Amino acid sequence: MLSRAGVNAVRCGAMVSRASQARNYATLKEVETRLKSIKNIEKITKTMKIVASTRLNKAERANVTAKKFDQADSAFYKNAETKPLEEAENATKDSELVVAVSSDKGLCGSIHSSLAKRVRLHLAESPNADVVAVGDKMRTQLMRTHPNNVKIGINGIGKEAPTFQLSSAIADTLLELGARNYPKITIYYNDPVSSLSFEAATKDVFSPEAIESSPSFSKFEIDTDANVPEDLFEYTLSNKLLAALAEGYAAEISARRNAMDNASKNAGDMINKYSILYNRTRQAVITNELVDIITGASSLG
């Protein structure tokens, strides 16, 4: 029979063993919980990738349509030999309107921050320029560094493929802000270079005075009594905004698909890592239980 000291030793050993098991079980449960969380995240990212891939086809079709209108518009000004007025170039730093076109949605990599960086570089050269932020993401980023430059922010962008109705509504807002009075208007947007990359680009909008002063404007049979330069300016503003919105939308959807693809791959790697850790931890718990049983049996024997 065991002595009282031996019995106490066995009891202490059992208590330590139970405490060790509790710690192991807690660790095992923690790893299991984290593994389930990562698997849920992987399901979400894979689903978002599929949704982005489906929407990308629609975004590319909208981009192709908008480009055709933009190319026709550019061809008109090329034939008219329209150029910015010299006094407008000299007054650019004192009076300029910058339209930064983005969207309200995130989870698409650095597409918003890279465009905001490009706009900030321009504002460093033209500190007095007025900014219109199209999209909540762009408004939020520019308000952090240039709150005095941002005049208005327009939200509700990026939910669906852009339409001419949307660009016309944005153009009306700019006209109410006094867009006609700016000697230079520059639109900043994301240009989808390929399915894997994008870059910040710009589109310039000619003022009504520059349109009217075009050297070859007279070759078009236009009634001089009509307010044609003003109408062309408003149409061009809507047209350029549509092209910027469409190209930015296509770049954003492509970037979101790539971001969700990378996130799914990273989640898969983490699942493999935590699966190995879970199996090792589980095996360690089982081994400790066997050791405790054998030790207890040997002590009683």
Protein backbone atom coordinates (compact mmCIF):
# COMPACT_ATOMS: atom_id res chain seq x y z
CA MET A 1 0.00 0.00 0.00
CA LEU A 2 1.10 3.54 -0.65
CA SER A 3 2.14 5.72 2.22
CA ARG A 4 0.35 8.98 3.00
CA ALA A 5 3.20 10.87 1.27
CA GLY A 6 2.83 8.66 -1.79
CA VAL A 7 -0.92 9.26 -1.92
CA ASN A 8 -0.41 13.01 -1.66
CA ALA A 9 2.17 12.86 -4.44
CA VAL A 10 -0.25 10.99 -6.71
CA ARG A 11 -2.99 13.54 -5.94
CA CYS A 12 -0.64 16.45 -6.70
CA GLY A 13 0.40 14.78 -9.92
CA ALA A 14 -3.21 14.28 -10.90
CA MET A 15 -3.99 17.95 -10.19
CA VAL A 16 -1.03 19.11 -12.28
CA SER A 17 -2.07 16.71 -15.02
CA ARG A 18 -5.65 18.07 -15.03
CA ALA A 19 -4.34 21.65 -15.14
CA SER A 20 -2.05 20.73 -18.02
CA GLN A 21 -4.95 19.07 -19.83
CA ALA A 22 -7.10 22.16 -19.29
CA ARG A 23 -4.42 24.34 -20.82
CA ASN A 24 -4.02 21.95 -23.77
CA TYR A 25 -7.77 21.74 -24.31
CA ALA A 26 -8.06 25.54 -24.23
CA THR A 27 -5.25 25.83 -26.76
CA LEU A 28 -6.84 23.17 -28.95
CA LYS A 29 -10.20 24.93 -28.84
CA GLU A 30 -8.57 28.25 -29.65
CA VAL A 31 -6.83 26.79 -32.71
CA GLU A 32 -10.08 25.12 -33.79
CA THR A 33 -12.02 28.39 -33.45
CA ARG A 34 -9.43 30.30 -35.44
CA LEU A 35 -9.40 27.63 -38.11
CA LYS A 36 -13.17 27.87 -38.49
CA SER A 37 -12.94 31.67 -38.73
CA ILE A 38 -10.35 31.47 -41.51
CA LYS A 39 -12.46 28.94 -43.41
CA ASN A 40 -15.46 31.30 -43.19
CA ILE A 41 -13.31 34.17 -44.45
CA GLU A 42 -12.16 32.00 -47.36
CA LYS A 43 -15.77 31.28 -48.30
CA ILE A 44 -16.56 35.00 -48.27
CA THR A 45 -13.53 35.99 -50.36
CA LYS A 46 -14.22 33.24 -52.90
CA THR A 47 -17.83 34.37 -53.19
CA MET A 48 -16.76 38.00 -53.64
CA LYS A 49 -14.29 36.91 -56.31
CA ILE A 50 -17.07 35.12 -58.22
CA VAL A 51 -19.35 38.17 -57.93
CA ALA A 52 -16.56 40.47 -59.13
CA SER A 53 -15.81 38.17 -62.07
CA THR A 54 -19.48 38.23 -63.06
CA ARG A 55 -19.69 42.03 -62.80
CA LEU A 56 -16.43 42.50 -64.69
CA ASN A 57 -18.01 41.53 -68.02
CA LYS A 58 -20.74 44.14 -67.54
CA ALA A 59 -18.14 46.72 -66.50
CA GLU A 60 -16.04 46.06 -69.60
CA ARG A 61 -19.07 46.42 -71.88
CA ALA A 62 -19.95 49.74 -70.26
CA ASN A 63 -16.32 50.83 -70.64
CA VAL A 64 -16.27 49.99 -74.36
CA THR A 65 -19.49 51.94 -74.96
CA ALA A 66 -18.25 54.98 -73.02
CA LYS A 67 -14.94 54.93 -74.90
CA LYS A 68 -16.71 55.15 -78.25
CA PHE A 69 -18.48 58.35 -77.19
CA ASP A 70 -15.26 59.72 -75.71
CA GLN A 71 -13.31 58.97 -78.90
CA ALA A 72 -15.95 60.68 -81.04
CA ASP A 73 -15.86 63.69 -78.73
CA SER A 74 -12.06 63.85 -78.89
CA ALA A 75 -12.12 63.55 -82.68
CA PHE A 76 -14.40 66.59 -82.89
CA TYR A 77 -12.00 68.77 -80.89
CA LYS A 78 -9.05 67.41 -82.84
CA ASN A 79 -10.66 68.41 -86.12
CA ALA A 80 -11.60 71.79 -84.66
CA GLU A 81 -7.99 72.19 -83.43
CA THR A 82 -9.22 73.18 -80.00
CA LYS A 83 -6.53 74.10 -77.48
CA PRO A 84 -6.56 75.63 -73.99
CA LEU A 85 -6.38 79.42 -74.02
CA GLU A 86 -3.05 80.98 -73.05
CA GLU A 87 -4.61 83.10 -70.34
CA ALA A 88 -6.22 79.95 -68.97
CA GLU A 89 -2.83 78.28 -68.75
CA ASN A 90 -1.46 81.27 -66.86
CA ALA A 91 -4.41 81.35 -64.48
CA THR A 92 -4.39 77.62 -63.77
CA LYS A 93 -2.65 77.84 -60.39
CA ASP A 94 -5.12 80.46 -59.19
CA SER A 95 -8.33 78.96 -60.54
CA GLU A 96 -8.66 75.30 -61.43
CA LEU A 97 -11.26 72.61 -60.86
CA VAL A 98 -10.03 69.08 -60.13
CA VAL A 99 -12.60 66.27 -60.30
CA ALA A 100 -11.34 63.08 -58.60
CA VAL A 101 -13.47 60.13 -59.74
CA SER A 102 -13.55 57.09 -57.47
CA SER A 103 -16.38 55.17 -55.72
CA ASP A 104 -17.97 54.37 -52.37
CA LYS A 105 -16.75 50.79 -52.08
CA GLY A 106 -13.53 49.28 -50.75
CA LEU A 107 -11.90 45.83 -50.62
CA CYS A 108 -10.19 46.49 -53.94
CA GLY A 109 -6.54 46.97 -53.04
CA SER A 110 -4.78 50.31 -53.41
CA ILE A 111 -6.91 51.65 -56.23
CA HIS A 112 -8.37 54.52 -54.17
CA SER A 113 -5.18 55.44 -52.30
CA SER A 114 -3.05 55.53 -55.46
CA LEU A 115 -5.49 57.93 -57.15
CA ALA A 116 -5.61 60.10 -54.02
CA LYS A 117 -1.81 60.20 -54.02
CA ARG A 118 -1.81 61.43 -57.62
CA VAL A 119 -4.32 64.16 -56.77
CA ARG A 120 -2.23 65.23 -53.75
CA LEU A 121 0.85 65.57 -55.97
CA HIS A 122 -1.12 67.87 -58.27
CA LEU A 123 -2.40 69.91 -55.33
CA ALA A 124 1.20 70.39 -54.19
CA GLU A 125 1.79 72.24 -57.49
CA SER A 126 -1.62 73.98 -57.53
CA PRO A 127 -2.48 74.58 -53.86
CA ASN A 128 -5.43 76.85 -54.69
CA ALA A 129 -7.24 74.37 -56.92
CA ASP A 130 -10.81 73.42 -56.00
CA VAL A 131 -11.55 69.70 -55.71
CA VAL A 132 -14.75 67.76 -56.25
CA ALA A 133 -14.51 64.24 -54.81
CA VAL A 134 -16.72 61.74 -56.62
CA GLY A 135 -17.10 58.77 -54.27
CA ASP A 136 -16.88 58.47 -50.50
CA LYS A 137 -13.47 56.76 -50.56
CA MET A 138 -11.86 59.66 -52.40
CA ARG A 139 -13.61 62.27 -50.26
CA THR A 140 -12.45 60.59 -47.05
CA GLN A 141 -8.82 60.38 -48.15
CA LEU A 142 -8.59 63.93 -49.48
CA MET A 143 -10.35 65.41 -46.45
CA ARG A 144 -7.53 64.11 -44.27
CA THR A 145 -4.86 66.16 -46.02
CA HIS A 146 -6.63 68.89 -48.04
CA PRO A 147 -9.94 69.72 -46.33
CA ASN A 148 -9.86 73.32 -47.56
CA ASN A 149 -9.57 72.29 -51.20
CA VAL A 150 -12.47 69.85 -51.21
CA LYS A 151 -15.59 71.83 -52.05
CA ILE A 152 -18.16 69.05 -52.33
CA GLY A 153 -18.32 65.27 -52.20
CA ILE A 154 -20.64 63.14 -54.33
CA ASN A 155 -21.61 59.68 -53.09
CA GLY A 156 -23.72 56.81 -54.41
CA ILE A 157 -20.99 55.85 -56.91
CA GLY A 158 -19.87 52.33 -57.81
CA LYS A 159 -22.99 50.31 -57.00
CA GLU A 160 -23.79 49.65 -60.65
CA ALA A 161 -22.15 50.24 -64.01
CA PRO A 162 -22.17 53.99 -64.76
CA THR A 163 -24.66 55.48 -67.19
CA PHE A 164 -24.94 58.77 -69.03
CA GLN A 165 -27.77 59.71 -66.69
CA LEU A 166 -25.40 59.43 -63.74
CA SER A 167 -22.64 61.44 -65.42
CA SER A 168 -25.17 64.10 -66.44
CA ALA A 169 -26.35 64.40 -62.84
CA ILE A 170 -22.74 64.87 -61.69
CA ALA A 171 -22.17 67.40 -64.48
CA ASP A 172 -25.24 69.36 -63.34
CA THR A 173 -23.77 69.49 -59.83
CA LEU A 174 -20.50 70.82 -61.21
CA LEU A 175 -22.33 73.42 -63.27
CA GLU A 176 -24.17 74.57 -60.15
CA LEU A 177 -20.76 74.90 -58.49
CA GLY A 178 -19.72 77.24 -61.32
CA ALA A 179 -17.75 74.92 -63.58
CA ARG A 180 -18.13 77.34 -66.51
CA ASN A 181 -16.04 79.93 -64.69
CA TYR A 182 -12.97 77.73 -64.29
CA PRO A 183 -10.34 78.23 -66.99
CA LYS A 184 -9.23 74.61 -66.59
CA ILE A 185 -11.06 71.45 -65.53
CA THR A 186 -9.11 68.23 -65.00
CA ILE A 187 -10.71 64.86 -64.30
CA TYR A 188 -8.62 62.28 -62.43
CA TYR A 189 -9.63 58.62 -62.69
CA ASN A 190 -8.23 55.07 -62.67
CA ASP A 191 -7.30 53.72 -66.08
CA PRO A 192 -7.35 49.88 -66.37
CA VAL A 193 -4.07 49.21 -68.17
CA SER A 194 -4.67 45.45 -68.05
CA SER A 195 -6.64 42.91 -66.06
CA LEU A 196 -3.91 42.96 -63.41
CA SER A 197 -2.84 46.60 -63.27
CA PHE A 198 -4.19 50.13 -63.35
CA GLU A 199 -2.82 53.66 -63.22
CA ALA A 200 -4.08 57.14 -62.45
CA ALA A 201 -4.89 59.14 -65.60
CA THR A 202 -6.43 62.49 -66.47
CA LYS A 203 -8.94 63.96 -68.91
CA ASP A 204 -9.12 67.69 -69.69
CA VAL A 205 -12.35 69.54 -70.42
CA PHE A 206 -12.14 72.60 -72.66
CA SER A 207 -13.86 75.76 -71.47
CA PRO A 208 -16.63 77.38 -73.60
CA GLU A 209 -14.21 80.18 -74.51
CA ALA A 210 -11.60 77.68 -75.75
CA ILE A 211 -14.23 75.86 -77.83
CA GLU A 212 -15.43 79.10 -79.40
CA SER A 213 -11.85 80.14 -80.17
CA SER A 214 -11.01 76.91 -82.02
CA PRO A 215 -9.23 77.76 -85.31
CA SER A 216 -11.23 75.24 -87.38
CA PHE A 217 -14.51 75.59 -85.55
CA SER A 218 -15.98 77.33 -88.59
CA LYS A 219 -15.61 74.22 -90.77
CA PHE A 220 -18.62 72.77 -89.00
CA GLU A 221 -21.93 74.14 -90.16
CA ILE A 222 -23.09 75.51 -86.85
CA ASP A 223 -25.48 78.39 -86.30
CA THR A 224 -23.37 81.15 -84.82
CA ASP A 225 -26.37 82.73 -83.13
CA ALA A 226 -27.00 79.60 -81.08
CA ASN A 227 -25.25 79.05 -77.77
CA VAL A 228 -23.30 76.12 -79.20
CA PRO A 229 -20.02 76.45 -77.21
CA GLU A 230 -21.95 76.35 -73.94
CA ASP A 231 -23.92 73.29 -75.07
CA LEU A 232 -20.77 71.56 -76.29
CA PHE A 233 -19.06 72.29 -72.99
CA GLU A 234 -21.91 70.75 -70.98
CA TYR A 235 -22.07 67.70 -73.25
CA THR A 236 -18.29 67.23 -73.17
CA LEU A 237 -18.25 67.52 -69.38
CA SER A 238 -20.90 64.78 -69.10
CA ASN A 239 -19.16 62.68 -71.73
CA LYS A 240 -15.72 62.89 -70.10
CA LEU A 241 -17.22 62.09 -66.71
CA LEU A 242 -18.95 59.04 -68.16
CA ALA A 243 -15.69 57.80 -69.67
CA ALA A 244 -13.84 58.38 -66.39
CA LEU A 245 -16.56 56.63 -64.38
CA ALA A 246 -16.69 53.66 -66.76
CA GLU A 247 -12.93 53.17 -66.88
CA GLY A 248 -12.64 53.64 -63.12
CA TYR A 249 -15.47 51.15 -62.54
CA ALA A 250 -13.79 48.53 -64.75
CA ALA A 251 -10.45 49.08 -62.98
CA GLU A 252 -12.11 48.81 -59.56
CA ILE A 253 -13.97 45.57 -60.34
CA SER A 254 -10.79 44.04 -61.78
CA ALA A 255 -8.78 45.15 -58.74
CA ARG A 256 -11.42 43.73 -56.38
CA ARG A 257 -11.36 40.39 -58.17
CA ASN A 258 -7.56 40.25 -57.90
CA ALA A 259 -7.67 41.31 -54.25
CA MET A 260 -10.23 38.64 -53.39
CA ASP A 261 -8.22 36.05 -55.32
CA ASN A 262 -5.09 36.93 -53.32
CA ALA A 263 -7.10 36.91 -50.08
CA SER A 264 -8.48 33.45 -50.89
CA LYS A 265 -5.00 32.14 -51.58
CA ASN A 266 -3.68 33.61 -48.33
CA ALA A 267 -6.62 32.12 -46.44
CA GLY A 268 -5.87 28.73 -48.00
CA ASP A 269 -2.26 28.93 -46.84
CA MET A 270 -3.37 29.86 -43.34
CA ILE A 271 -5.87 26.99 -43.31
CA ASN A 272 -3.10 24.53 -44.15
CA LYS A 273 -0.89 26.02 -41.45
CA TYR A 274 -3.55 25.92 -38.76
CA SER A 275 -4.72 22.46 -39.81
CA ILE A 276 -1.23 21.13 -39.17
CA LEU A 277 -1.09 23.02 -35.87
CA TYR A 278 -4.51 21.66 -34.88
CA ASN A 279 -3.54 18.08 -35.65
CA ARG A 280 -0.28 18.40 -33.74
CA THR A 281 -2.01 19.99 -30.75
CA ARG A 282 -4.71 17.31 -30.78
CA GLN A 283 -2.09 14.57 -30.96
CA ALA A 284 -0.24 16.16 -28.04
CA VAL A 285 -3.42 16.21 -25.95
CA ILE A 286 -4.11 12.54 -26.70
CA THR A 287 -0.52 11.62 -25.86
CA ASN A 288 -0.72 13.49 -22.54
CA GLU A 289 -3.95 11.68 -21.68
CA LEU A 290 -2.35 8.31 -22.41
CA VAL A 291 0.67 9.22 -20.30
CA ASP A 292 -1.61 10.21 -17.41
CA ILE A 293 -3.56 6.94 -17.65
CA ILE A 294 -0.39 4.83 -17.78
CA THR A 295 1.18 6.80 -14.94
CA GLY A 296 -1.92 6.48 -12.78
CA ALA A 297 -2.20 2.75 -13.49
CA SER A 298 1.46 2.21 -12.66
CA SER A 299 1.11 4.17 -9.41
CA LEU A 300 -1.93 2.16 -8.30
CA GLY A 301 -0.29 -1.08 -9.28
